[in-house]
N, C-alpha and C. Protein backbone atom coordinates (compact mmCIF):
# COMPACT_ATOMS: atom_id res chain seq x y z
N MET A 1 -3.80 -5.43 -33.50
CA MET A 1 -3.35 -5.19 -35.10
C MET A 1 -4.26 -4.59 -35.39
N ASP A 2 -4.45 -3.95 -36.53
CA ASP A 2 -5.40 -3.65 -37.40
C ASP A 2 -5.57 -5.03 -38.28
N ALA A 3 -6.82 -5.31 -38.39
CA ALA A 3 -6.69 -6.53 -38.99
C ALA A 3 -6.78 -6.08 -40.85
N ASP A 4 -6.86 -4.84 -40.96
CA ASP A 4 -6.61 -4.66 -42.30
C ASP A 4 -5.33 -4.49 -43.11
N THR A 5 -4.84 -3.32 -42.17
CA THR A 5 -3.59 -3.04 -42.42
C THR A 5 -2.00 -3.62 -41.89
N GLU A 6 -2.49 -4.39 -40.80
CA GLU A 6 -1.52 -5.35 -40.28
C GLU A 6 -0.40 -4.72 -39.37
N ARG A 7 -0.86 -3.48 -38.91
CA ARG A 7 -0.20 -2.56 -38.18
C ARG A 7 -1.00 -2.51 -36.73
N LEU A 8 0.20 -2.34 -36.16
CA LEU A 8 -0.22 -2.04 -34.27
C LEU A 8 -0.82 -1.04 -34.46
N ILE A 9 -1.84 -1.13 -33.65
CA ILE A 9 -2.82 0.04 -33.23
C ILE A 9 -2.28 0.86 -31.92
N ASP A 10 -1.81 2.18 -31.66
CA ASP A 10 -1.43 2.56 -30.80
C ASP A 10 -2.52 3.09 -30.03
N ILE A 11 -2.47 2.96 -28.52
CA ILE A 11 -3.39 2.82 -27.49
C ILE A 11 -3.01 4.16 -26.59
N ALA A 12 -4.15 4.77 -26.15
CA ALA A 12 -3.80 5.57 -24.75
C ALA A 12 -4.11 4.74 -23.38
N SER A 13 -5.24 3.89 -23.65
CA SER A 13 -5.58 2.93 -22.65
C SER A 13 -6.73 2.09 -23.02
N GLY A 14 -7.18 0.68 -22.15
CA GLY A 14 -7.88 0.31 -22.60
C GLY A 14 -8.27 -1.08 -21.36
N GLU A 15 -9.28 -1.49 -21.42
CA GLU A 15 -9.55 -2.33 -19.95
C GLU A 15 -9.00 -3.77 -20.36
N VAL A 16 -9.24 -4.45 -19.30
CA VAL A 16 -8.88 -6.06 -19.67
C VAL A 16 -10.26 -6.60 -19.20
N VAL A 17 -10.78 -7.53 -19.85
CA VAL A 17 -11.99 -7.91 -19.42
C VAL A 17 -11.89 -9.32 -19.27
N THR A 18 -12.73 -10.33 -18.84
CA THR A 18 -13.05 -11.65 -18.97
C THR A 18 -13.57 -11.87 -20.10
N ALA A 19 -13.94 -12.94 -20.77
CA ALA A 19 -14.77 -13.59 -21.71
C ALA A 19 -15.34 -14.65 -21.34
N ASN A 20 -16.54 -14.96 -21.94
CA ASN A 20 -17.12 -16.12 -22.12
C ASN A 20 -16.88 -16.27 -23.34
N ILE A 21 -16.51 -18.00 -23.11
CA ILE A 21 -16.71 -18.83 -24.31
C ILE A 21 -17.50 -19.52 -24.70
N LEU A 22 -17.64 -19.13 -26.08
CA LEU A 22 -19.38 -19.58 -26.57
C LEU A 22 -19.04 -21.18 -27.62
N ALA A 23 -17.68 -20.84 -28.25
CA ALA A 23 -17.60 -22.16 -29.19
C ALA A 23 -16.01 -22.26 -29.41
N ILE A 24 -15.81 -23.35 -30.09
CA ILE A 24 -14.75 -23.41 -30.88
C ILE A 24 -14.24 -23.85 -32.24
N ASP A 25 -14.15 -22.72 -33.02
CA ASP A 25 -13.80 -23.46 -34.57
C ASP A 25 -12.77 -24.16 -34.85
N LYS A 26 -13.01 -25.36 -34.66
CA LYS A 26 -11.56 -26.50 -34.72
C LYS A 26 -10.95 -25.55 -36.39
N GLY A 27 -9.32 -25.98 -36.14
CA GLY A 27 -8.77 -25.69 -37.25
C GLY A 27 -8.22 -26.65 -37.83
N GLU A 28 -8.22 -26.34 -39.10
CA GLU A 28 -7.33 -27.29 -40.31
C GLU A 28 -6.62 -26.55 -40.98
N ASP A 29 -5.50 -27.55 -41.30
CA ASP A 29 -4.57 -26.83 -42.50
C ASP A 29 -4.96 -26.15 -43.48
N GLY A 30 -4.51 -25.11 -43.55
CA GLY A 30 -5.13 -23.75 -44.50
C GLY A 30 -5.91 -23.07 -43.91
N ASN A 31 -6.77 -23.50 -43.02
CA ASN A 31 -7.46 -22.54 -42.55
C ASN A 31 -8.09 -22.66 -40.80
N PRO A 32 -7.27 -21.60 -40.08
CA PRO A 32 -6.72 -21.51 -38.90
C PRO A 32 -8.45 -21.50 -37.81
N GLY A 33 -8.75 -22.27 -36.81
CA GLY A 33 -9.59 -22.02 -36.23
C GLY A 33 -9.98 -20.76 -35.31
N LYS A 34 -10.86 -20.45 -34.18
CA LYS A 34 -10.90 -19.29 -33.68
C LYS A 34 -11.75 -20.02 -32.56
N ILE A 35 -11.37 -19.15 -31.43
CA ILE A 35 -12.23 -19.33 -30.37
C ILE A 35 -13.78 -18.08 -30.40
N GLN A 36 -14.63 -18.50 -30.52
CA GLN A 36 -15.88 -17.45 -30.43
C GLN A 36 -16.17 -16.98 -28.66
N GLY A 37 -16.30 -15.86 -28.55
CA GLY A 37 -16.58 -15.42 -27.45
C GLY A 37 -17.18 -14.18 -27.31
N SER A 38 -17.84 -13.82 -26.06
CA SER A 38 -18.21 -12.61 -25.39
C SER A 38 -17.53 -12.04 -24.53
N ILE A 39 -17.87 -10.56 -24.48
CA ILE A 39 -17.40 -9.82 -23.20
C ILE A 39 -18.40 -9.10 -22.75
N GLU A 40 -19.95 -9.34 -23.35
CA GLU A 40 -20.97 -8.81 -22.96
C GLU A 40 -20.71 -9.42 -21.58
N GLY A 41 -21.29 -7.79 -20.40
CA GLY A 41 -21.56 -8.24 -19.37
C GLY A 41 -20.46 -9.16 -18.26
N GLN A 42 -19.15 -9.09 -18.85
CA GLN A 42 -18.27 -9.87 -18.35
C GLN A 42 -17.53 -8.36 -17.52
N PRO A 43 -16.82 -8.94 -15.80
CA PRO A 43 -16.31 -7.92 -15.39
C PRO A 43 -15.02 -7.64 -16.08
N THR A 44 -15.06 -6.14 -15.16
CA THR A 44 -13.41 -5.65 -16.04
C THR A 44 -12.29 -6.11 -14.62
N ILE A 45 -11.08 -6.82 -15.25
CA ILE A 45 -10.18 -6.84 -13.90
C ILE A 45 -9.10 -5.99 -14.11
N GLY A 46 -8.83 -5.31 -15.22
CA GLY A 46 -7.91 -4.40 -14.71
C GLY A 46 -7.55 -3.38 -16.32
N THR A 47 -6.49 -2.63 -16.16
CA THR A 47 -6.28 -1.60 -17.15
C THR A 47 -5.05 -2.24 -18.07
N ILE A 48 -5.07 -1.71 -19.67
CA ILE A 48 -4.26 -1.68 -20.51
C ILE A 48 -3.49 -0.09 -20.77
N TYR A 49 -2.41 -0.16 -20.52
CA TYR A 49 -1.62 1.01 -20.48
C TYR A 49 -0.20 1.32 -21.85
N LYS A 50 -0.28 0.00 -22.55
CA LYS A 50 0.80 -0.16 -23.49
C LYS A 50 0.36 -1.68 -24.31
N ASN A 51 0.67 -1.06 -25.44
CA ASN A 51 0.18 -2.44 -26.56
C ASN A 51 1.25 -2.24 -27.71
N THR A 52 2.42 -3.59 -27.71
CA THR A 52 3.53 -3.76 -28.64
C THR A 52 3.51 -4.82 -29.30
N ALA A 53 4.44 -4.96 -29.48
CA ALA A 53 4.58 -6.45 -30.73
C ALA A 53 4.66 -7.50 -30.22
N TYR A 54 5.48 -7.02 -28.34
CA TYR A 54 5.26 -8.41 -27.84
C TYR A 54 4.46 -8.58 -26.68
N GLY A 55 3.15 -7.95 -26.94
CA GLY A 55 2.15 -8.20 -25.72
C GLY A 55 1.30 -6.29 -25.80
N ILE A 56 0.30 -7.12 -24.82
CA ILE A 56 -0.26 -6.14 -24.35
C ILE A 56 0.26 -5.89 -22.58
N TYR A 57 0.31 -4.57 -22.43
CA TYR A 57 0.82 -4.30 -20.48
C TYR A 57 -0.25 -3.60 -20.02
N GLY A 58 -0.59 -4.02 -18.80
CA GLY A 58 -1.33 -3.21 -17.99
C GLY A 58 -1.56 -3.95 -16.55
N TYR A 59 -2.41 -3.51 -15.73
CA TYR A 59 -2.25 -3.89 -14.44
C TYR A 59 -3.83 -4.75 -13.91
N LEU A 60 -3.61 -6.29 -13.23
CA LEU A 60 -4.94 -6.69 -13.27
C LEU A 60 -5.16 -6.05 -11.33
N ASP A 61 -6.16 -5.84 -11.39
CA ASP A 61 -7.09 -5.30 -10.30
C ASP A 61 -7.94 -6.30 -9.56
N ASN A 62 -8.35 -7.09 -10.63
CA ASN A 62 -9.50 -7.93 -9.66
C ASN A 62 -9.21 -9.54 -10.36
N THR A 63 -8.41 -9.98 -10.24
CA THR A 63 -7.55 -11.43 -10.33
C THR A 63 -8.43 -12.47 -9.58
N SER A 64 -9.65 -12.10 -8.96
CA SER A 64 -10.43 -13.16 -8.08
C SER A 64 -11.58 -13.91 -9.24
N ALA A 65 -11.96 -12.95 -10.52
CA ALA A 65 -12.24 -13.27 -11.41
C ALA A 65 -11.29 -14.03 -12.51
N MET A 66 -10.48 -14.18 -12.23
CA MET A 66 -9.53 -15.12 -13.48
C MET A 66 -9.89 -16.33 -13.28
N PHE A 67 -9.64 -16.73 -12.08
CA PHE A 67 -9.76 -18.55 -11.81
C PHE A 67 -7.94 -18.94 -11.75
N VAL A 68 -7.44 -17.78 -10.97
CA VAL A 68 -5.80 -17.89 -11.22
C VAL A 68 -5.55 -18.59 -9.88
N ASP A 69 -4.57 -19.48 -9.66
CA ASP A 69 -4.29 -20.21 -8.56
C ASP A 69 -3.19 -19.72 -8.07
N LYS A 70 -2.54 -18.94 -7.25
CA LYS A 70 -1.80 -17.94 -6.88
C LYS A 70 -0.80 -18.67 -6.32
N ASN A 71 -0.76 -20.05 -6.27
CA ASN A 71 0.01 -20.91 -5.54
C ASN A 71 0.72 -21.45 -6.60
N ASN A 72 0.50 -21.11 -7.79
CA ASN A 72 1.03 -21.93 -8.81
C ASN A 72 1.94 -20.90 -9.88
N LEU A 73 2.50 -20.13 -9.42
CA LEU A 73 3.34 -19.10 -10.24
C LEU A 73 4.98 -19.50 -10.52
N TYR A 74 5.27 -19.03 -11.83
CA TYR A 74 6.67 -19.53 -12.24
C TYR A 74 7.29 -18.26 -12.52
N PRO A 75 8.59 -18.74 -12.13
CA PRO A 75 9.67 -17.85 -12.52
C PRO A 75 9.73 -17.58 -14.20
N VAL A 76 10.04 -16.42 -14.48
CA VAL A 76 10.59 -16.16 -15.91
C VAL A 76 12.05 -16.85 -16.29
N ALA A 77 12.15 -17.58 -17.78
CA ALA A 77 13.52 -18.15 -17.99
C ALA A 77 14.29 -17.16 -18.91
N LEU A 78 15.31 -16.61 -18.73
CA LEU A 78 16.20 -16.61 -19.48
C LEU A 78 16.41 -16.87 -20.69
N ARG A 79 16.63 -16.27 -22.00
CA ARG A 79 16.35 -16.93 -23.35
C ARG A 79 17.47 -18.25 -23.27
N ASN A 80 18.47 -18.37 -22.93
CA ASN A 80 19.28 -19.06 -23.07
C ASN A 80 18.85 -20.53 -22.12
N GLU A 81 17.88 -20.59 -21.46
CA GLU A 81 17.24 -21.52 -20.55
C GLU A 81 16.32 -22.22 -21.52
N VAL A 82 15.86 -21.77 -22.25
CA VAL A 82 14.79 -22.22 -23.53
C VAL A 82 15.41 -23.46 -24.40
N LYS A 83 15.13 -24.79 -24.03
CA LYS A 83 15.82 -25.35 -24.64
C LYS A 83 14.66 -26.48 -25.68
N THR A 84 15.17 -27.47 -27.22
CA THR A 84 14.44 -27.58 -27.93
C THR A 84 13.99 -29.21 -26.95
N GLY A 85 12.62 -29.63 -27.11
CA GLY A 85 11.85 -30.48 -26.79
C GLY A 85 10.86 -30.42 -25.81
N GLU A 86 10.28 -30.92 -24.90
CA GLU A 86 8.85 -30.81 -24.28
C GLU A 86 8.81 -29.91 -23.46
N ALA A 87 7.42 -29.25 -23.60
CA ALA A 87 7.26 -28.38 -23.00
C ALA A 87 6.06 -28.20 -22.64
N THR A 88 4.88 -27.14 -22.03
CA THR A 88 3.91 -27.21 -21.35
C THR A 88 2.85 -25.97 -22.25
N LEU A 89 1.69 -25.78 -22.79
CA LEU A 89 1.21 -24.62 -23.34
C LEU A 89 -0.07 -24.57 -22.18
N ILE A 90 -0.01 -23.37 -21.52
CA ILE A 90 -1.18 -23.28 -20.58
C ILE A 90 -2.25 -22.55 -21.11
N SER A 91 -3.67 -22.74 -21.23
CA SER A 91 -4.54 -22.07 -21.81
C SER A 91 -6.05 -22.50 -21.80
N THR A 92 -6.81 -21.41 -21.86
CA THR A 92 -8.61 -21.81 -21.36
C THR A 92 -9.09 -21.87 -22.62
N LEU A 93 -9.74 -23.09 -22.98
CA LEU A 93 -10.53 -22.93 -24.11
C LEU A 93 -12.29 -23.49 -23.60
N ASP A 94 -12.12 -23.55 -22.18
CA ASP A 94 -13.39 -24.15 -21.65
C ASP A 94 -13.55 -22.76 -20.25
N ASN A 95 -14.66 -22.43 -20.33
CA ASN A 95 -14.88 -20.89 -19.27
C ASN A 95 -14.41 -21.52 -18.03
N GLY A 96 -13.35 -20.75 -17.20
CA GLY A 96 -12.81 -21.43 -15.90
C GLY A 96 -12.08 -22.37 -16.10
N GLN A 97 -11.54 -23.17 -16.84
CA GLN A 97 -10.86 -24.23 -16.67
C GLN A 97 -9.46 -23.96 -17.71
N THR A 98 -8.48 -23.76 -16.56
CA THR A 98 -7.03 -23.57 -17.33
C THR A 98 -6.81 -24.94 -17.88
N GLU A 99 -5.90 -25.38 -18.84
CA GLU A 99 -5.62 -26.80 -18.68
C GLU A 99 -4.04 -26.69 -19.85
N GLU A 100 -3.29 -27.70 -19.11
CA GLU A 100 -1.91 -27.83 -19.30
C GLU A 100 -1.99 -28.62 -20.78
N TYR A 101 -1.40 -28.50 -21.46
CA TYR A 101 -1.29 -28.90 -22.77
C TYR A 101 0.18 -29.42 -23.33
N LYS A 102 0.56 -30.66 -23.55
CA LYS A 102 1.95 -30.85 -23.95
C LYS A 102 2.25 -30.39 -25.48
N ILE A 103 3.16 -30.05 -25.71
CA ILE A 103 3.94 -29.44 -26.78
C ILE A 103 5.24 -29.50 -27.29
N LYS A 104 5.82 -29.27 -27.97
CA LYS A 104 7.41 -29.62 -28.26
C LYS A 104 8.15 -28.50 -28.96
N ILE A 105 9.04 -27.90 -28.46
CA ILE A 105 9.56 -26.69 -28.75
C ILE A 105 10.62 -27.59 -30.05
N GLU A 106 10.39 -26.99 -31.04
CA GLU A 106 11.09 -27.68 -32.37
C GLU A 106 11.95 -26.57 -32.69
N ARG A 107 11.90 -25.48 -32.32
CA ARG A 107 13.43 -24.57 -32.67
C ARG A 107 13.09 -23.26 -31.99
N VAL A 108 14.57 -22.84 -31.52
CA VAL A 108 14.52 -21.98 -30.82
C VAL A 108 15.57 -20.86 -31.21
N ASN A 109 15.49 -19.50 -31.53
CA ASN A 109 16.23 -18.41 -32.01
C ASN A 109 16.51 -17.76 -30.85
N LEU A 110 17.99 -17.78 -30.71
CA LEU A 110 18.53 -17.16 -29.23
C LEU A 110 18.90 -15.70 -29.79
N ASN A 111 19.34 -15.52 -30.81
CA ASN A 111 19.53 -14.18 -31.41
C ASN A 111 18.24 -13.05 -31.71
N ASN A 112 16.92 -13.71 -31.45
CA ASN A 112 15.69 -12.57 -31.95
C ASN A 112 15.59 -11.81 -31.23
N ASN A 113 15.56 -10.53 -31.37
CA ASN A 113 15.61 -9.33 -31.09
C ASN A 113 14.35 -8.50 -31.77
N ILE A 114 14.04 -8.92 -33.00
CA ILE A 114 13.35 -8.07 -33.74
C ILE A 114 11.93 -8.33 -34.01
N ASP A 115 11.17 -9.63 -33.37
CA ASP A 115 9.91 -9.69 -33.59
C ASP A 115 9.62 -11.01 -32.37
N ASN A 116 7.82 -11.20 -32.43
CA ASN A 116 7.51 -12.28 -31.49
C ASN A 116 7.64 -13.35 -32.22
N LYS A 117 8.61 -13.85 -32.86
CA LYS A 117 9.06 -15.36 -33.09
C LYS A 117 10.33 -15.95 -32.93
N SER A 118 10.27 -15.87 -31.57
CA SER A 118 11.50 -16.54 -31.02
C SER A 118 11.68 -18.01 -30.94
N MET A 119 10.74 -18.75 -30.99
CA MET A 119 10.23 -20.16 -30.78
C MET A 119 9.45 -20.82 -31.81
N VAL A 120 9.51 -21.93 -32.51
CA VAL A 120 8.54 -22.37 -33.49
C VAL A 120 8.37 -23.79 -32.23
N ILE A 121 7.11 -23.99 -32.35
CA ILE A 121 6.41 -24.79 -31.38
C ILE A 121 5.53 -25.74 -32.02
N LYS A 122 5.11 -26.98 -31.42
CA LYS A 122 4.46 -27.94 -31.89
C LYS A 122 3.08 -28.31 -31.01
N ILE A 123 2.15 -28.73 -31.13
CA ILE A 123 0.86 -29.23 -30.47
C ILE A 123 1.33 -30.77 -30.69
N THR A 124 1.33 -31.28 -29.29
CA THR A 124 1.63 -32.74 -29.36
C THR A 124 0.47 -33.32 -28.53
N ASP A 125 -0.10 -32.70 -27.89
CA ASP A 125 -1.33 -33.15 -26.93
C ASP A 125 -2.26 -33.48 -27.68
N GLU A 126 -2.96 -34.56 -27.69
CA GLU A 126 -4.08 -35.17 -28.05
C GLU A 126 -5.71 -34.65 -27.96
N ARG A 127 -5.69 -34.31 -26.73
CA ARG A 127 -6.63 -33.53 -26.32
C ARG A 127 -7.09 -32.21 -27.01
N LEU A 128 -6.05 -31.39 -27.00
CA LEU A 128 -6.36 -30.04 -27.50
C LEU A 128 -6.19 -30.40 -28.93
N LEU A 129 -5.45 -31.68 -30.07
CA LEU A 129 -5.79 -31.56 -31.38
C LEU A 129 -6.92 -32.21 -31.61
N LYS A 130 -7.55 -33.02 -30.55
CA LYS A 130 -9.11 -33.31 -30.78
C LYS A 130 -9.79 -32.10 -30.77
N LYS A 131 -9.88 -31.14 -29.59
CA LYS A 131 -10.93 -29.94 -29.42
C LYS A 131 -11.00 -29.11 -30.09
N ALA A 132 -9.25 -28.40 -30.66
CA ALA A 132 -9.31 -27.18 -31.78
C ALA A 132 -8.66 -27.31 -32.50
N GLY A 133 -7.77 -28.75 -33.20
CA GLY A 133 -7.33 -29.03 -33.97
C GLY A 133 -5.88 -28.66 -34.36
N GLY A 134 -5.35 -27.90 -32.89
CA GLY A 134 -4.10 -27.50 -32.98
C GLY A 134 -4.14 -25.90 -32.79
N ILE A 135 -3.73 -25.17 -32.91
CA ILE A 135 -3.81 -23.78 -32.54
C ILE A 135 -4.65 -23.28 -33.11
N VAL A 136 -5.72 -22.22 -32.55
CA VAL A 136 -6.57 -21.29 -33.00
C VAL A 136 -6.57 -20.28 -32.54
N GLN A 137 -6.75 -19.39 -33.17
CA GLN A 137 -7.27 -17.59 -33.40
C GLN A 137 -7.61 -17.54 -32.10
N GLY A 138 -7.13 -16.56 -30.62
CA GLY A 138 -7.76 -16.57 -29.74
C GLY A 138 -6.85 -17.26 -28.56
N MET A 139 -5.91 -18.01 -28.90
CA MET A 139 -4.87 -18.63 -28.11
C MET A 139 -3.49 -18.03 -27.94
N SER A 140 -3.42 -16.89 -28.55
CA SER A 140 -2.30 -15.86 -28.39
C SER A 140 -2.26 -15.45 -26.91
N GLY A 141 -0.74 -15.22 -26.79
CA GLY A 141 -0.66 -15.06 -25.28
C GLY A 141 -0.61 -15.99 -24.26
N SER A 142 -1.19 -17.45 -24.58
CA SER A 142 -0.87 -18.42 -23.70
C SER A 142 0.41 -19.02 -23.28
N PRO A 143 0.74 -19.10 -22.31
CA PRO A 143 2.17 -19.31 -21.67
C PRO A 143 2.60 -20.94 -21.87
N ILE A 144 4.28 -20.67 -22.45
CA ILE A 144 4.26 -21.77 -22.54
C ILE A 144 5.51 -22.16 -21.32
N VAL A 145 5.41 -23.47 -20.90
CA VAL A 145 6.38 -23.56 -19.57
C VAL A 145 7.31 -24.70 -19.61
N GLN A 146 8.33 -24.80 -19.45
CA GLN A 146 9.49 -25.64 -19.58
C GLN A 146 10.57 -25.82 -18.06
N ASN A 147 10.63 -26.98 -17.75
CA ASN A 147 11.57 -26.99 -16.63
C ASN A 147 11.20 -25.91 -15.18
N GLY A 148 9.92 -26.00 -15.09
CA GLY A 148 9.33 -25.09 -14.07
C GLY A 148 9.40 -23.77 -14.23
N LYS A 149 9.89 -23.13 -15.57
CA LYS A 149 9.75 -21.61 -15.38
C LYS A 149 8.79 -21.56 -16.90
N ILE A 150 8.65 -20.34 -16.91
CA ILE A 150 7.45 -19.96 -17.96
C ILE A 150 8.91 -19.45 -19.22
N VAL A 151 8.66 -19.77 -19.98
CA VAL A 151 9.61 -19.56 -21.37
C VAL A 151 9.35 -18.74 -22.53
N GLY A 152 8.28 -18.85 -22.63
CA GLY A 152 7.51 -17.76 -23.69
C GLY A 152 5.75 -17.60 -23.62
N ALA A 153 5.60 -17.12 -24.94
CA ALA A 153 3.50 -16.60 -24.71
C ALA A 153 3.88 -17.36 -26.20
N LEU A 154 2.90 -18.20 -26.83
CA LEU A 154 2.21 -18.28 -28.10
C LEU A 154 1.69 -17.08 -28.76
N THR A 155 2.36 -16.98 -30.04
CA THR A 155 1.75 -15.62 -30.84
C THR A 155 1.17 -15.72 -31.93
N HIS A 156 1.38 -16.70 -32.83
CA HIS A 156 0.99 -16.83 -34.31
C HIS A 156 0.71 -18.29 -34.40
N VAL A 157 -0.14 -18.78 -35.25
CA VAL A 157 -0.48 -20.30 -35.82
C VAL A 157 0.20 -20.09 -37.09
N MET A 158 0.90 -21.42 -37.73
CA MET A 158 1.12 -21.63 -38.91
C MET A 158 -0.33 -22.15 -39.75
N VAL A 159 -0.77 -20.80 -40.55
CA VAL A 159 -1.89 -21.26 -41.57
C VAL A 159 -1.88 -22.78 -42.16
N ASN A 160 -0.80 -23.05 -42.75
CA ASN A 160 -0.08 -24.24 -43.41
C ASN A 160 -0.44 -25.70 -42.62
N ASP A 161 0.01 -25.31 -41.36
CA ASP A 161 -0.07 -26.54 -40.28
C ASP A 161 -0.57 -26.19 -39.03
N VAL A 162 -1.70 -26.44 -38.61
CA VAL A 162 -2.23 -25.41 -37.71
C VAL A 162 -1.74 -26.29 -36.10
N THR A 163 -0.83 -27.55 -36.17
CA THR A 163 -0.50 -27.89 -35.28
C THR A 163 1.17 -27.26 -34.84
N MET A 164 1.48 -26.19 -35.60
CA MET A 164 2.50 -25.63 -35.45
C MET A 164 2.16 -24.20 -35.42
N GLY A 165 3.42 -23.54 -34.67
CA GLY A 165 3.15 -22.01 -34.39
C GLY A 165 4.40 -21.44 -33.60
N TYR A 166 4.21 -20.00 -33.47
CA TYR A 166 5.42 -19.20 -33.17
C TYR A 166 5.25 -18.68 -31.55
N ALA A 167 6.37 -18.52 -30.76
CA ALA A 167 6.24 -18.14 -29.29
C ALA A 167 7.18 -16.83 -29.50
N VAL A 168 7.00 -15.93 -28.51
CA VAL A 168 8.04 -15.05 -27.97
C VAL A 168 8.56 -15.44 -26.98
N PHE A 169 9.63 -14.99 -26.56
CA PHE A 169 10.71 -15.31 -25.68
C PHE A 169 10.16 -14.31 -24.08
N ALA A 170 9.59 -15.08 -23.12
CA ALA A 170 9.43 -14.35 -21.91
C ALA A 170 9.88 -13.38 -21.36
N GLU A 171 11.22 -13.64 -21.90
CA GLU A 171 12.58 -12.49 -21.30
C GLU A 171 12.42 -11.09 -22.42
N ILE A 172 11.66 -11.31 -23.37
CA ILE A 172 11.63 -10.09 -24.48
C ILE A 172 10.27 -9.45 -23.70
N MET A 173 9.20 -10.34 -23.32
CA MET A 173 7.83 -9.54 -22.74
C MET A 173 8.26 -8.84 -21.58
N ALA A 174 9.27 -9.12 -20.69
CA ALA A 174 9.40 -8.88 -19.31
C ALA A 174 10.73 -7.97 -19.50
N LYS A 175 11.01 -7.65 -20.54
CA LYS A 175 11.98 -6.14 -20.55
C LYS A 175 11.22 -5.19 -21.12
N ASN A 176 10.03 -5.15 -21.72
CA ASN A 176 9.09 -4.41 -22.51
C ASN A 176 7.98 -3.96 -21.52
N ILE A 177 8.45 -4.48 -20.46
CA ILE A 177 7.57 -3.74 -19.50
C ILE A 177 7.59 -2.38 -18.98
N PHE A 178 9.00 -2.39 -18.67
CA PHE A 178 9.87 -0.99 -18.59
C PHE A 178 10.04 -0.08 -19.56
N GLU A 179 9.96 -0.51 -20.80
CA GLU A 179 10.53 0.24 -22.06
C GLU A 179 9.47 0.96 -22.53
């Protein structure tokens, strides 16, 4: 998104690179924090071919640089499988360390097809609250897992309550791969 116009940037192509996380500016109500990082000197791991309101799409060519456990893959849940209640947010806030954090899905909008605010989530994990204050800028795209399936991805922090945010259904993201 363009920060000034808040409009989606049309792209022809792009690169996926890893980031070196330098610091986390802890969020507080009224002032969402952010992850500070650098991509300088970091390896290119893929290419981007599409930028949409539901995420960026591309190909990963060098997953070895991502610290991904290929034995820990999740099937995609359909929206009718998403329920209010406990879930897990997977995010990387320290270099090379992907962590699972407890969250609660507070609200599910099964009829949402117009934006990336399909769910309202709340951070409940004390480790994440202590480290970041809640959701910080730079966590967008962090997957949400419930009952062994990926149900969505984090999209927004609520500025007035940084422990709350929005997420898009994984089903919508998957459908946009081929459109």
